[in-house]
Amino acid sequence: MAEETKNPMDLNGDGKVTMAEKVQYKAGQAYDKIKEEAKEVYDKASVKAKELGAKAKEEAKEFSAKAAVKAKEVYAEAKVEAKELTDKAKAKISEMKAKKEA
């Protein structure tokens, strides 16, 4: 006795394939294909997003390090200038006191 092969489009299993079953079967196949393709696109996008996120994080670290170095340089320069101005002010005050006492 030969085994009967079931047609996958016979969705209700009655042995007959109606137009509605054909349409529903094809729609299901199309849905599965779209779902599979969407998952592939999502997976690729996810990998790319992680790569870009890592790159942005690295660039932010580099920028932060450069900014810290620059801030230290500016602070050092300001400290030197403030010392020079303070020394000049002290010298001027001493000079004015000496003139007043003379």
C-alpha atoms as a PDB file:
ATOM      1  CA  MET A   1       0.000   0.000   0.000  1.00  0.00           C
ATOM      2  CA  ALA A   2       1.461   3.294  -1.067  1.00  0.00           C
ATOM      3  CA  GLU A   3       1.578   6.080   1.490  1.00  0.00           C
ATOM      4  CA  GLU A   4      -0.368   9.162   0.451  1.00  0.00           C
ATOM      5  CA  THR A   5       1.605  12.428   0.490  1.00  0.00           C
ATOM      6  CA  LYS A   6      -0.276  15.335   2.046  1.00  0.00           C
ATOM      7  CA  ASN A   7      -0.312  18.543   0.058  1.00  0.00           C
ATOM      8  CA  PRO A   8       1.033  21.325   2.339  1.00  0.00           C
ATOM      9  CA  MET A   9      -1.540  23.709   0.854  1.00  0.00           C
ATOM     10  CA  ASP A  10      -4.366  21.505   2.206  1.00  0.00           C
ATOM     11  CA  LEU A  11      -4.570  23.535   5.416  1.00  0.00           C
ATOM     12  CA  ASN A  12      -7.739  21.910   6.782  1.00  0.00           C
ATOM     13  CA  GLY A  13      -6.659  18.358   5.871  1.00  0.00           C
ATOM     14  CA  ASP A  14      -9.793  17.476   3.892  1.00  0.00           C
ATOM     15  CA  GLY A  15      -7.842  16.216   0.883  1.00  0.00           C
ATOM     16  CA  LYS A  16      -8.903  19.163  -1.282  1.00  0.00           C
ATOM     17  CA  VAL A  17      -7.011  22.389  -1.911  1.00  0.00           C
ATOM     18  CA  THR A  18      -9.302  25.356  -2.361  1.00  0.00           C
ATOM     19  CA  MET A  19      -8.342  28.738  -3.771  1.00  0.00           C
ATOM     20  CA  ALA A  20      -8.666  30.221  -0.255  1.00  0.00           C
ATOM     21  CA  GLU A  21      -6.212  27.601   1.104  1.00  0.00           C
ATOM     22  CA  LYS A  22      -3.768  28.354  -1.713  1.00  0.00           C
ATOM     23  CA  VAL A  23      -3.939  32.083  -0.955  1.00  0.00           C
ATOM     24  CA  GLN A  24      -3.607  31.496   2.792  1.00  0.00           C
ATOM     25  CA  TYR A  25      -0.676  29.099   2.267  1.00  0.00           C
ATOM     26  CA  LYS A  26       1.158  31.558  -0.024  1.00  0.00           C
ATOM     27  CA  ALA A  27       0.469  34.407   2.395  1.00  0.00           C
ATOM     28  CA  GLY A  28       1.959  32.311   5.197  1.00  0.00           C
ATOM     29  CA  GLN A  29       5.056  31.595   3.109  1.00  0.00           C
ATOM     30  CA  ALA A  30       5.427  35.278   2.275  1.00  0.00           C
ATOM     31  CA  TYR A  31       5.043  36.185   5.965  1.00  0.00           C
ATOM     32  CA  ASP A  32       7.694  33.643   6.967  1.00  0.00           C
ATOM     33  CA  LYS A  33      10.096  34.960   4.300  1.00  0.00           C
ATOM     34  CA  ILE A  34       9.557  38.586   5.339  1.00  0.00           C
ATOM     35  CA  LYS A  35       9.987  37.650   8.992  1.00  0.00           C
ATOM     36  CA  GLU A  36      13.250  35.834   8.194  1.00  0.00           C
ATOM     37  CA  GLU A  37      14.573  38.739   6.108  1.00  0.00           C
ATOM     38  CA  ALA A  38      13.586  41.242   8.796  1.00  0.00           C
ATOM     39  CA  LYS A  39      15.494  39.214  11.380  1.00  0.00           C
ATOM     40  CA  GLU A  40      18.586  39.185   9.134  1.00  0.00           C
ATOM     41  CA  VAL A  41      18.358  42.956   8.655  1.00  0.00           C
ATOM     42  CA  TYR A  42      17.870  43.436  12.414  1.00  0.00           C
ATOM     43  CA  ASP A  43      20.856  41.215  13.197  1.00  0.00           C
ATOM     44  CA  LYS A  44      23.086  43.128  10.764  1.00  0.00           C
ATOM     45  CA  ALA A  45      21.847  46.483  12.087  1.00  0.00           C
ATOM     46  CA  SER A  46      22.417  45.339  15.643  1.00  0.00           C
ATOM     47  CA  VAL A  47      26.018  44.378  14.898  1.00  0.00           C
ATOM     48  CA  LYS A  48      26.619  47.690  13.101  1.00  0.00           C
ATOM     49  CA  ALA A  49      25.041  49.650  15.960  1.00  0.00           C
ATOM     50  CA  LYS A  50      27.322  47.898  18.455  1.00  0.00           C
ATOM     51  CA  GLU A  51      30.354  48.658  16.288  1.00  0.00           C
ATOM     52  CA  LEU A  52      29.370  52.320  15.965  1.00  0.00           C
ATOM     53  CA  GLY A  53      28.649  52.529  19.678  1.00  0.00           C
ATOM     54  CA  ALA A  54      32.074  51.124  20.511  1.00  0.00           C
ATOM     55  CA  LYS A  55      33.718  53.517  18.066  1.00  0.00           C
ATOM     56  CA  ALA A  56      31.833  56.501  19.520  1.00  0.00           C
ATOM     57  CA  LYS A  57      32.811  55.425  23.032  1.00  0.00           C
ATOM     58  CA  GLU A  58      36.468  55.185  22.016  1.00  0.00           C
ATOM     59  CA  GLU A  59      36.358  58.571  20.289  1.00  0.00           C
ATOM     60  CA  ALA A  60      34.714  60.092  23.364  1.00  0.00           C
ATOM     61  CA  LYS A  61      37.513  58.688  25.535  1.00  0.00           C
ATOM     62  CA  GLU A  62      40.145  60.132  23.212  1.00  0.00           C
ATOM     63  CA  PHE A  63      38.408  63.526  23.116  1.00  0.00           C
ATOM     64  CA  SER A  64      38.037  63.521  26.891  1.00  0.00           C
ATOM     65  CA  ALA A  65      41.725  62.719  27.332  1.00  0.00           C
ATOM     66  CA  LYS A  66      42.720  65.511  24.926  1.00  0.00           C
ATOM     67  CA  ALA A  67      40.380  67.939  26.686  1.00  0.00           C
ATOM     68  CA  ALA A  68      41.880  67.014  30.059  1.00  0.00           C
ATOM     69  CA  VAL A  69      45.406  67.627  28.751  1.00  0.00           C
ATOM     70  CA  LYS A  70      44.372  70.975  27.270  1.00  0.00           C
ATOM     71  CA  ALA A  71      42.613  71.976  30.491  1.00  0.00           C
ATOM     72  CA  LYS A  72      45.777  71.189  32.468  1.00  0.00           C
ATOM     73  CA  GLU A  73      47.857  73.268  30.036  1.00  0.00           C
ATOM     74  CA  VAL A  74      45.473  76.224  30.253  1.00  0.00           C
ATOM     75  CA  TYR A  75      45.364  75.953  34.057  1.00  0.00           C
ATOM     76  CA  ALA A  76      49.168  75.879  34.236  1.00  0.00           C
ATOM     77  CA  GLU A  77      49.421  78.932  31.979  1.00  0.00           C
ATOM     78  CA  ALA A  78      46.790  80.784  34.009  1.00  0.00           C
ATOM     79  CA  LYS A  79      48.601  79.901  37.232  1.00  0.00           C
ATOM     80  CA  VAL A  80      51.883  81.309  35.860  1.00  0.00           C
ATOM     81  CA  GLU A  81      50.145  84.476  34.618  1.00  0.00           C
ATOM     82  CA  ALA A  82      48.366  84.931  37.951  1.00  0.00           C
ATOM     83  CA  LYS A  83      51.700  84.594  39.790  1.00  0.00           C
ATOM     84  CA  GLU A  84      53.315  87.150  37.484  1.00  0.00           C
ATOM     85  CA  LEU A  85      50.434  89.598  37.969  1.00  0.00           C
ATOM     86  CA  THR A  86      50.501  89.070  41.738  1.00  0.00           C
ATOM     87  CA  ASP A  87      54.254  89.676  41.817  1.00  0.00           C
ATOM     88  CA  LYS A  88      53.838  92.864  39.743  1.00  0.00           C
ATOM     89  CA  ALA A  89      51.055  94.083  42.016  1.00  0.00           C
ATOM     90  CA  LYS A  90      53.167  93.405  45.127  1.00  0.00           C
ATOM     91  CA  ALA A  91      56.112  95.224  43.560  1.00  0.00           C
ATOM     92  CA  LYS A  92      53.922  98.218  42.682  1.00  0.00           C
ATOM     93  CA  ILE A  93      52.508  98.326  46.219  1.00  0.00           C
ATOM     94  CA  SER A  94      56.014  98.153  47.694  1.00  0.00           C
ATOM     95  CA  GLU A  95      57.111 100.912  45.345  1.00  0.00           C
ATOM     96  CA  MET A  96      54.168 103.103  46.306  1.00  0.00           C
ATOM     97  CA  LYS A  97      54.826 102.507  50.027  1.00  0.00           C
ATOM     98  CA  ALA A  98      58.492 103.386  49.582  1.00  0.00           C
ATOM     99  CA  LYS A  99      57.558 106.658  47.827  1.00  0.00           C
ATOM    100  CA  LYS A 100      55.049 107.505  50.535  1.00  0.00           C
ATOM    101  CA  GLU A 101      57.600 106.930  53.296  1.00  0.00           C
ATOM    102  CA  ALA A 102      60.244 108.985  51.560  1.00  0.00           C
END
